[in-house]
Amino acid sequence: MIAICLPKGQRSKARRAMIENAPMRLAAKDPIYEVSPAHLELLNARGFSYEIVIPPVGRRENQRRAASH
């Protein structure tokens, strides 16, 4: 998966467009989303801007491990 950050003014429209295309996931409290290459193609085609970022460390995975011990 690819992690992206959307500009504040475009977030809601870009999220709606991406959700219609395929599932996506919020990867952090900051507006960082894990998306597929198809999402990037869609964003480019519709003129949305985004920044590719380094995905956050797997916080949810650590919580799952701690809960399963």
C-alpha atoms as a PDB file:
ATOM      1  CA  MET A   1       0.000   0.000   0.000  1.00  0.00           C
ATOM      2  CA  ILE A   2       0.991   3.595  -0.591  1.00  0.00           C
ATOM      3  CA  ALA A   3       0.568   6.289   2.069  1.00  0.00           C
ATOM      4  CA  ILE A   4      -0.557   9.762   1.045  1.00  0.00           C
ATOM      5  CA  CYS A   5      -1.505  13.039   2.680  1.00  0.00           C
ATOM      6  CA  LEU A   6      -4.223  15.206   1.125  1.00  0.00           C
ATOM      7  CA  PRO A   7      -4.412  19.019   1.367  1.00  0.00           C
ATOM      8  CA  LYS A   8      -7.018  20.162   3.888  1.00  0.00           C
ATOM      9  CA  GLY A   9      -9.197  21.948   1.324  1.00  0.00           C
ATOM     10  CA  GLN A  10      -9.502  18.861  -0.902  1.00  0.00           C
ATOM     11  CA  ARG A  11      -9.814  16.077   1.676  1.00  0.00           C
ATOM     12  CA  SER A  12     -13.549  15.495   1.699  1.00  0.00           C
ATOM     13  CA  LYS A  13     -13.993  15.508  -2.091  1.00  0.00           C
ATOM     14  CA  ALA A  14     -10.887  13.387  -2.646  1.00  0.00           C
ATOM     15  CA  ARG A  15     -11.946  10.864   0.039  1.00  0.00           C
ATOM     16  CA  ARG A  16     -15.407  10.495  -1.498  1.00  0.00           C
ATOM     17  CA  ALA A  17     -13.910   9.928  -4.937  1.00  0.00           C
ATOM     18  CA  MET A  18     -11.456   7.325  -3.608  1.00  0.00           C
ATOM     19  CA  ILE A  19     -14.113   5.460  -1.606  1.00  0.00           C
ATOM     20  CA  GLU A  20     -16.259   5.153  -4.737  1.00  0.00           C
ATOM     21  CA  ASN A  21     -13.286   3.644  -6.561  1.00  0.00           C
ATOM     22  CA  ALA A  22     -12.012   1.079  -4.014  1.00  0.00           C
ATOM     23  CA  PRO A  23     -11.556   0.590  -0.263  1.00  0.00           C
ATOM     24  CA  MET A  24      -8.981   2.780   1.457  1.00  0.00           C
ATOM     25  CA  ARG A  25      -7.895   3.190   5.050  1.00  0.00           C
ATOM     26  CA  LEU A  26      -6.958   5.992   7.407  1.00  0.00           C
ATOM     27  CA  ALA A  27      -3.449   5.099   8.540  1.00  0.00           C
ATOM     28  CA  ALA A  28      -2.931   7.693  11.284  1.00  0.00           C
ATOM     29  CA  LYS A  29      -4.718  10.404  13.251  1.00  0.00           C
ATOM     30  CA  ASP A  30      -3.046  12.847  10.909  1.00  0.00           C
ATOM     31  CA  PRO A  31      -4.805  12.743   7.565  1.00  0.00           C
ATOM     32  CA  ILE A  32      -2.626   9.969   6.165  1.00  0.00           C
ATOM     33  CA  TYR A  33      -4.403   7.386   4.035  1.00  0.00           C
ATOM     34  CA  GLU A  34      -3.246   4.026   2.725  1.00  0.00           C
ATOM     35  CA  VAL A  35      -4.318   3.780  -0.893  1.00  0.00           C
ATOM     36  CA  SER A  36      -3.748   1.644  -3.967  1.00  0.00           C
ATOM     37  CA  PRO A  37      -2.183   2.710  -7.274  1.00  0.00           C
ATOM     38  CA  ALA A  38      -5.730   2.899  -8.696  1.00  0.00           C
ATOM     39  CA  HIS A  39      -6.520   5.635  -6.169  1.00  0.00           C
ATOM     40  CA  LEU A  40      -3.500   7.651  -7.318  1.00  0.00           C
ATOM     41  CA  GLU A  41      -4.604   7.333 -10.947  1.00  0.00           C
ATOM     42  CA  LEU A  42      -8.061   8.578  -9.961  1.00  0.00           C
ATOM     43  CA  LEU A  43      -6.680  11.526  -7.992  1.00  0.00           C
ATOM     44  CA  ASN A  44      -4.430  12.502 -10.895  1.00  0.00           C
ATOM     45  CA  ALA A  45      -7.258  12.195 -13.433  1.00  0.00           C
ATOM     46  CA  ARG A  46      -9.547  14.422 -11.349  1.00  0.00           C
ATOM     47  CA  GLY A  47      -6.866  17.011 -10.617  1.00  0.00           C
ATOM     48  CA  PHE A  48      -6.481  16.431  -6.866  1.00  0.00           C
ATOM     49  CA  SER A  49      -3.105  17.071  -5.309  1.00  0.00           C
ATOM     50  CA  TYR A  50      -1.509  14.775  -2.734  1.00  0.00           C
ATOM     51  CA  GLU A  51       1.842  14.049  -1.155  1.00  0.00           C
ATOM     52  CA  ILE A  52       3.287  10.549  -0.893  1.00  0.00           C
ATOM     53  CA  VAL A  53       4.553  10.040   2.657  1.00  0.00           C
ATOM     54  CA  ILE A  54       6.252   7.336   4.664  1.00  0.00           C
ATOM     55  CA  PRO A  55       3.565   5.206   6.322  1.00  0.00           C
ATOM     56  CA  PRO A  56       3.432   5.447  10.119  1.00  0.00           C
ATOM     57  CA  VAL A  57       4.843   2.605  12.199  1.00  0.00           C
ATOM     58  CA  GLY A  58       2.333  -0.245  12.632  1.00  0.00           C
ATOM     59  CA  ARG A  59       0.743   1.015  15.844  1.00  0.00           C
ATOM     60  CA  ARG A  60      -2.320  -1.191  15.439  1.00  0.00           C
ATOM     61  CA  GLU A  61      -0.127  -4.264  14.967  1.00  0.00           C
ATOM     62  CA  ASN A  62       1.684  -3.504  18.235  1.00  0.00           C
ATOM     63  CA  GLN A  63      -1.643  -3.178  20.041  1.00  0.00           C
ATOM     64  CA  ARG A  64      -2.796  -6.529  18.639  1.00  0.00           C
ATOM     65  CA  ARG A  65       0.405  -8.235  19.750  1.00  0.00           C
ATOM     66  CA  ALA A  66       0.128  -6.790  23.237  1.00  0.00           C
ATOM     67  CA  ALA A  67      -3.495  -7.919  23.508  1.00  0.00           C
ATOM     68  CA  SER A  68      -2.773 -11.455  22.337  1.00  0.00           C
ATOM     69  CA  HIS A  69      -0.086 -12.189  24.963  1.00  0.00           C
END
